[in-house]
Amino acid sequence: MEKINELIKQQLSLFVQEITADKFGIVTITDVQTEKDLKSTMVYFSALDNEMANKIHNELKRHAFEIQHQLAKKMATRNVPKIYFKFDDSQEKINRVSELLENINKEK
């Protein structure tokens, strides 16, 4: 399953950049989790501008069928999973924790 996730991540990174680069700048695929039966894939993305996450998410959803069709051309599997997108806010959380820790250290 790891190889399939990696293949999907590589291919989707290219497709997503084509769709989002002009409007939103850099959008990165951070993780891909595919169901064992290959029926669905959750694709996590991040962006330099976190405030644009909803707009990017809507744009990706709007192009999901097209992306899935392009993915089908690249995958050597019988089924191509349905693609779902989710904003990956883990970096934002990491930054917030780091900021809190810095503030605690400054107060000492």
Foldseek 3Di string as FASTA:
>chain_A
DVVVFVLLQVLVLVVLCVQPCVPANDKHFDGWDADPVQAAIETEIEGPDNVCVVVSQVSCVVCQVVSQVVVVVVDPDPDHYRYHYDYDCVVVVVVVVVVVVVVVVVVD
